[in-house]
PDB file of N, CA and C in Angstrom:
ATOM      1  N   MET A   1       1.104  -1.633   0.282  1.00  0.00           N
ATOM      2  CA  MET A   1      -0.338   0.197  -0.099  1.00  0.00           C
ATOM      3  C   MET A   1       0.869   1.191  -0.010  1.00  0.00           C
ATOM      4  N   ILE A   2       0.564   2.343  -0.562  1.00  0.00           N
ATOM      5  CA  ILE A   2       1.362   3.346  -0.894  1.00  0.00           C
ATOM      6  C   ILE A   2       0.163   4.670  -0.171  1.00  0.00           C
ATOM      7  N   TRP A   3       1.207   5.774   0.726  1.00  0.00           N
ATOM      8  CA  TRP A   3       0.181   6.250   1.469  1.00  0.00           C
ATOM      9  C   TRP A   3       0.915   7.823   0.396  1.00  0.00           C
ATOM     10  N   GLN A   4       0.042   8.407   0.376  1.00  0.00           N
ATOM     11  CA  GLN A   4       0.121   9.745  -0.164  1.00  0.00           C
ATOM     12  C   GLN A   4       0.279  11.024   1.153  1.00  0.00           C
ATOM     13  N   SER A   5       0.332  10.884   2.210  1.00  0.00           N
ATOM     14  CA  SER A   5       0.839  11.595   3.015  1.00  0.00           C
ATOM     15  C   SER A   5       0.999  10.942   4.451  1.00  0.00           C
ATOM     16  N   TRP A   6       1.506  11.226   5.437  1.00  0.00           N
ATOM     17  CA  TRP A   6       1.901  10.694   6.855  1.00  0.00           C
ATOM     18  C   TRP A   6       0.240  10.329   7.148  1.00  0.00           C
ATOM     19  N   SER A   7      -0.372  11.354   7.133  1.00  0.00           N
ATOM     20  CA  SER A   7      -2.139  11.426   7.932  1.00  0.00           C
ATOM     21  C   SER A   7      -2.744  10.125   7.080  1.00  0.00           C
ATOM     22  N   ASP A   8      -2.309  10.016   5.651  1.00  0.00           N
ATOM     23  CA  ASP A   8      -3.224   8.690   5.438  1.00  0.00           C
ATOM     24  C   ASP A   8      -2.269   7.393   5.834  1.00  0.00           C
ATOM     25  N   PHE A   9      -1.032   7.476   6.032  1.00  0.00           N
ATOM     26  CA  PHE A   9      -0.210   6.489   6.927  1.00  0.00           C
ATOM     27  C   PHE A   9      -0.885   6.341   8.458  1.00  0.00           C
ATOM     28  N   ILE A  10      -1.157   7.108   8.785  1.00  0.00           N
ATOM     29  CA  ILE A  10      -1.655   6.975  10.169  1.00  0.00           C
ATOM     30  C   ILE A  10      -3.272   6.531  10.096  1.00  0.00           C
ATOM     31  N   ALA A  11      -3.933   6.944   9.178  1.00  0.00           N
ATOM     32  CA  ALA A  11      -5.469   6.753   9.149  1.00  0.00           C
ATOM     33  C   ALA A  11      -5.328   5.011   8.717  1.00  0.00           C
ATOM     34  N   MET A  12      -4.391   4.536   8.308  1.00  0.00           N
ATOM     35  CA  MET A  12      -4.196   3.473   8.265  1.00  0.00           C
ATOM     36  C   MET A  12      -5.576   2.721   7.189  1.00  0.00           C
ATOM     37  N   GLY A  13      -5.829   3.619   6.198  1.00  0.00           N
ATOM     38  CA  GLY A  13      -7.230   2.983   5.327  1.00  0.00           C
ATOM     39  C   GLY A  13      -8.352   3.065   6.064  1.00  0.00           C
ATOM     40  N   GLY A  14      -8.277   3.554   7.133  1.00  0.00           N
ATOM     41  CA  GLY A  14      -9.772   3.673   7.882  1.00  0.00           C
ATOM     42  C   GLY A  14      -9.612   2.431   9.146  1.00  0.00           C
ATOM     43  N   TYR A  15      -8.691   1.846   8.976  1.00  0.00           N
ATOM     44  CA  TYR A  15      -8.351   0.867  10.193  1.00  0.00           C
ATOM     45  C   TYR A  15      -7.665   1.215  11.212  1.00  0.00           C
ATOM     46  N   ALA A  16      -7.385   2.653  11.011  1.00  0.00           N
ATOM     47  CA  ALA A  16      -6.247   3.326  12.210  1.00  0.00           C
ATOM     48  C   ALA A  16      -6.849   2.509  13.939  1.00  0.00           C
ATOM     49  N   TRP A  17      -7.634   3.062  14.149  1.00  0.00           N
ATOM     50  CA  TRP A  17      -8.302   2.153  15.707  1.00  0.00           C
ATOM     51  C   TRP A  17      -7.652   0.786  15.910  1.00  0.00           C
ATOM     52  N   TYR A  18      -7.648  -0.234  14.724  1.00  0.00           N
ATOM     53  CA  TYR A  18      -7.681  -1.554  15.090  1.00  0.00           C
ATOM     54  C   TYR A  18      -5.795  -1.959  15.135  1.00  0.00           C
ATOM     55  N   VAL A  19      -5.159  -1.056  13.833  1.00  0.00           N
ATOM     56  CA  VAL A  19      -3.846  -1.239  13.760  1.00  0.00           C
ATOM     57  C   VAL A  19      -3.449  -0.522  14.785  1.00  0.00           C
ATOM     58  N   TRP A  20      -3.181   0.536  15.315  1.00  0.00           N
ATOM     59  CA  TRP A  20      -2.300   1.121  16.282  1.00  0.00           C
ATOM     60  C   TRP A  20      -2.743   0.374  17.459  1.00  0.00           C
ATOM     61  N   GLY A  21      -3.757   0.238  17.684  1.00  0.00           N
ATOM     62  CA  GLY A  21      -4.466  -0.710  19.358  1.00  0.00           C
ATOM     63  C   GLY A  21      -3.840  -1.787  18.942  1.00  0.00           C
ATOM     64  N   ALA A  22      -3.493  -2.333  18.224  1.00  0.00           N
ATOM     65  CA  ALA A  22      -2.884  -3.831  18.240  1.00  0.00           C
ATOM     66  C   ALA A  22      -1.300  -3.349  18.534  1.00  0.00           C
ATOM     67  N   VAL A  23      -0.474  -2.319  17.772  1.00  0.00           N
ATOM     68  CA  VAL A  23       0.650  -2.077  18.171  1.00  0.00           C
ATOM     69  C   VAL A  23       1.048  -1.677  19.540  1.00  0.00           C
ATOM     70  N   LEU A  24      -0.218  -0.755  20.089  1.00  0.00           N
ATOM     71  CA  LEU A  24       0.244  -0.581  21.397  1.00  0.00           C
ATOM     72  C   LEU A  24      -0.026  -1.433  22.335  1.00  0.00           C
ATOM     73  N   VAL A  25      -0.647  -2.629  22.154  1.00  0.00           N
ATOM     74  CA  VAL A  25      -0.714  -3.869  23.199  1.00  0.00           C
ATOM     75  C   VAL A  25       0.004  -4.732  23.018  1.00  0.00           C
ATOM     76  N   PHE A  26       0.818  -4.722  21.428  1.00  0.00           N
ATOM     77  CA  PHE A  26       2.307  -5.433  21.322  1.00  0.00           C
ATOM     78  C   PHE A  26       2.918  -4.918  22.331  1.00  0.00           C
ATOM     79  N   PHE A  27       3.252  -3.632  22.143  1.00  0.00           N
ATOM     80  CA  PHE A  27       4.726  -3.115  22.959  1.00  0.00           C
ATOM     81  C   PHE A  27       4.334  -3.116  24.525  1.00  0.00           C
ATOM     82  N   ALA A  28       2.881  -3.027  24.752  1.00  0.00           N
ATOM     83  CA  ALA A  28       2.754  -3.189  25.787  1.00  0.00           C
ATOM     84  C   ALA A  28       2.667  -4.605  26.691  1.00  0.00           C
ATOM     85  N   ALA A  29       2.726  -5.483  26.117  1.00  0.00           N
ATOM     86  CA  ALA A  29       2.790  -7.042  26.429  1.00  0.00           C
ATOM     87  C   ALA A  29       4.505  -7.092  26.106  1.00  0.00           C
ATOM     88  N   LEU A  30       5.369  -6.539  25.559  1.00  0.00           N
ATOM     89  CA  LEU A  30       6.925  -6.644  25.315  1.00  0.00           C
ATOM     90  C   LEU A  30       7.117  -5.960  26.738  1.00  0.00           C
ATOM     91  N   VAL A  31       6.951  -5.066  27.294  1.00  0.00           N
ATOM     92  CA  VAL A  31       7.496  -4.239  28.081  1.00  0.00           C
ATOM     93  C   VAL A  31       7.098  -5.005  29.438  1.00  0.00           C
ATOM     94  N   LEU A  32       5.863  -5.245  30.137  1.00  0.00           N
ATOM     95  CA  LEU A  32       5.557  -6.166  30.856  1.00  0.00           C
ATOM     96  C   LEU A  32       6.422  -7.400  30.832  1.00  0.00           C
ATOM     97  N   GLU A  33       6.529  -8.108  29.782  1.00  0.00           N
ATOM     98  CA  GLU A  33       6.987  -9.470  29.511  1.00  0.00           C
ATOM     99  C   GLU A  33       8.815  -9.261  30.032  1.00  0.00           C
ATOM    100  N   LEU A  34       9.107  -8.263  29.423  1.00  0.00           N
ATOM    101  CA  LEU A  34      10.765  -7.819  29.750  1.00  0.00           C
ATOM    102  C   LEU A  34      10.396  -7.397  31.253  1.00  0.00           C
ATOM    103  N   PHE A  35      10.006  -6.713  31.875  1.00  0.00           N
ATOM    104  CA  PHE A  35      10.019  -6.365  33.529  1.00  0.00           C
ATOM    105  C   PHE A  35       9.691  -7.918  33.991  1.00  0.00           C
ATOM    106  N   SER A  36       8.725  -8.780  33.759  1.00  0.00           N
ATOM    107  CA  SER A  36       8.704 -10.011  34.258  1.00  0.00           C
ATOM    108  C   SER A  36      10.112 -10.798  34.610  1.00  0.00           C
ATOM    109  N   VAL A  37      10.796 -11.102  33.407  1.00  0.00           N
ATOM    110  CA  VAL A  37      11.870 -11.628  33.169  1.00  0.00           C
ATOM    111  C   VAL A  37      12.899 -11.244  34.228  1.00  0.00           C
ATOM    112  N   SER A  38      12.965  -9.712  34.329  1.00  0.00           N
ATOM    113  CA  SER A  38      13.873  -9.153  35.144  1.00  0.00           C
ATOM    114  C   SER A  38      13.524  -9.390  36.602  1.00  0.00           C
ATOM    115  N   LEU A  39      12.654  -9.181  36.914  1.00  0.00           N
ATOM    116  CA  LEU A  39      11.795  -9.587  38.223  1.00  0.00           C
ATOM    117  C   LEU A  39      12.437 -10.848  38.494  1.00  0.00           C
ATOM    118  N   SER A  40      12.135 -11.822  37.552  1.00  0.00           N
ATOM    119  CA  SER A  40      12.529 -13.357  37.454  1.00  0.00           C
ATOM    120  C   SER A  40      13.972 -13.290  38.113  1.00  0.00           C
ATOM    121  N   GLN A  41      14.688 -12.775  37.268  1.00  0.00           N
ATOM    122  CA  GLN A  41      15.893 -13.026  37.190  1.00  0.00           C
ATOM    123  C   GLN A  41      16.549 -12.662  38.774  1.00  0.00           C
ATOM    124  N   LYS A  42      15.861 -11.618  39.054  1.00  0.00           N
ATOM    125  CA  LYS A  42      16.620 -10.928  40.238  1.00  0.00           C
ATOM    126  C   LYS A  42      16.271 -11.923  41.815  1.00  0.00           C
ATOM    127  N   ASN A  43      15.178 -12.427  41.578  1.00  0.00           N
ATOM    128  CA  ASN A  43      14.229 -13.670  42.571  1.00  0.00           C
ATOM    129  C   ASN A  43      15.455 -14.748  42.572  1.00  0.00           C
ATOM    130  N   ILE A  44      15.920 -15.264  41.082  1.00  0.00           N
ATOM    131  CA  ILE A  44      16.495 -16.558  41.331  1.00  0.00           C
ATOM    132  C   ILE A  44      17.887 -16.093  41.837  1.00  0.00           C
ATOM    133  N   LEU A  45      18.525 -15.195  41.161  1.00  0.00           N
ATOM    134  CA  LEU A  45      19.786 -15.324  41.927  1.00  0.00           C
ATOM    135  C   LEU A  45      19.941 -14.677  43.350  1.00  0.00           C
ATOM    136  N   ARG A  46      18.824 -14.066  43.873  1.00  0.00           N
ATOM    137  CA  ARG A  46      18.703 -13.923  45.339  1.00  0.00           C
ATOM    138  C   ARG A  46      18.473 -15.185  46.166  1.00  0.00           C
ATOM    139  N   GLN A  47      17.948 -16.052  45.366  1.00  0.00           N
ATOM    140  CA  GLN A  47      17.659 -17.737  45.910  1.00  0.00           C
ATOM    141  C   GLN A  47      18.993 -18.186  45.919  1.00  0.00           C
ATOM    142  N   LEU A  48      19.708 -18.420  44.760  1.00  0.00           N
ATOM    143  CA  LEU A  48      20.865 -18.676  44.647  1.00  0.00           C
ATOM    144  C   LEU A  48      22.080 -18.503  45.747  1.00  0.00           C
ATOM    145  N   ARG A  49      21.701 -17.292  46.130  1.00  0.00           N
ATOM    146  CA  ARG A  49      22.654 -16.336  46.919  1.00  0.00           C
ATOM    147  C   ARG A  49      22.445 -16.894  48.345  1.00  0.00           C
ATOM    148  N   LEU A  50      21.305 -17.004  48.489  1.00  0.00           N
ATOM    149  CA  LEU A  50      20.844 -17.549  49.951  1.00  0.00           C
ATOM    150  C   LEU A  50      20.994 -18.566  50.010  1.00  0.00           C
ATOM    151  N   GLU A  51      20.683 -19.742  49.084  1.00  0.00           N
ATOM    152  CA  GLU A  51      21.331 -21.087  49.118  1.00  0.00           C
ATOM    153  C   GLU A  51      22.818 -21.362  49.324  1.00  0.00           C
ATOM    154  N   GLN A  52      23.397 -20.375  48.691  1.00  0.00           N
ATOM    155  CA  GLN A  52      25.276 -20.349  48.670  1.00  0.00           C
ATOM    156  C   GLN A  52      25.177 -20.050  49.969  1.00  0.00           C
ATOM    157  N   GLN A  53      25.053 -19.112  50.688  1.00  0.00           N
ATOM    158  CA  GLN A  53      25.496 -19.064  52.301  1.00  0.00           C
ATOM    159  C   GLN A  53      24.515 -19.907  53.108  1.00  0.00           C
ATOM    160  N   VAL A  54      23.974 -20.412  53.078  1.00  0.00           N
ATOM    161  CA  VAL A  54      23.254 -21.613  53.813  1.00  0.00           C
ATOM    162  C   VAL A  54      24.718 -23.056  53.835  1.00  0.00           C
ATOM    163  N   ARG A  55      24.884 -22.995  52.804  1.00  0.00           N
ATOM    164  CA  ARG A  55      25.811 -24.067  52.408  1.00  0.00           C
ATOM    165  C   ARG A  55      27.047 -23.714  52.949  1.00  0.00           C
ATOM    166  N   ASP A  56      27.195 -22.402  52.893  1.00  0.00           N
ATOM    167  CA  ASP A  56      28.731 -21.813  53.233  1.00  0.00           C
ATOM    168  C   ASP A  56      28.589 -22.022  54.860  1.00  0.00           C
ATOM    169  N   SER A  57      27.627 -21.584  55.725  1.00  0.00           N
ATOM    170  CA  SER A  57      27.466 -21.868  57.311  1.00  0.00           C
ATOM    171  C   SER A  57      27.384 -23.282  57.619  1.00  0.00           C
ATOM    172  N   GLU A  58      27.005 -24.241  56.867  1.00  0.00           N
ATOM    173  CA  GLU A  58      26.837 -25.190  57.346  1.00  0.00           C
ATOM    174  C   GLU A  58      28.155 -25.895  57.259  1.00  0.00           C
ATOM    175  N   ALA A  59      29.141 -25.559  56.373  1.00  0.00           N
ATOM    176  CA  ALA A  59      30.424 -25.889  56.037  1.00  0.00           C
ATOM    177  C   ALA A  59      31.122 -25.493  56.818  1.00  0.00           C
ATOM    178  N   GLY A  60      30.753 -24.575  58.068  1.00  0.00           N
ATOM    179  CA  GLY A  60      31.470 -24.057  59.093  1.00  0.00           C
ATOM    180  C   GLY A  60      32.454 -22.790  58.388  1.00  0.00           C
ATOM    181  N   GLY A  61      31.963 -22.065  57.352  1.00  0.00           N
ATOM    182  CA  GLY A  61      32.663 -21.074  56.429  1.00  0.00           C
ATOM    183  C   GLY A  61      33.662 -20.995  55.786  1.00  0.00           C
ATOM    184  N   ALA A  62      33.956 -22.719  55.625  1.00  0.00           N
ATOM    185  CA  ALA A  62      35.482 -22.933  54.621  1.00  0.00           C
ATOM    186  C   ALA A  62      34.984 -23.283  53.653  1.00  0.00           C
ATOM    187  N   VAL A  63      35.667 -22.455  52.569  1.00  0.00           N
ATOM    188  CA  VAL A  63      35.078 -22.804  51.060  1.00  0.00           C
ATOM    189  C   VAL A  63      36.172 -23.496  50.305  1.00  0.00           C
TER     190      VAL A  63
END
């Protein structure tokens, strides 16, 4: 499809609400997914540090 102007591009042939709504939902889901992965990574690393501390304390602090 060839658009004659930016306003034609933004209007998307009369389907602007559907197209731009879908784009918005996609990017919102992408941001939420990245945020969720970041939180999961932090929680996993925290849990691994705690487990390592427990192992170290059970071994008498010897490495």
